[in-house]
Amino acid sequence: MKLSVALIVLSLASVCLGEAGLRTGDLAYIQAGTLALVLAFFLMLAII
């Protein structure tokens, strides 16, 4: 259950950071969103 909640939080963080990066044009936000998405992917693999 805790892993599922962490996956949801990481997915939402990825979307929010990516969107903030697109709005501000700041590459750091886009990279942070990509990193959160990659971490969410590996967490999803751990759940399966």
Foldseek 3Di string as FASTA:
>chain_A
DVLVVLLVVLLVQLVVLCVVCVVVVDVVSNVSSVVSVVVSVVSVVVVD
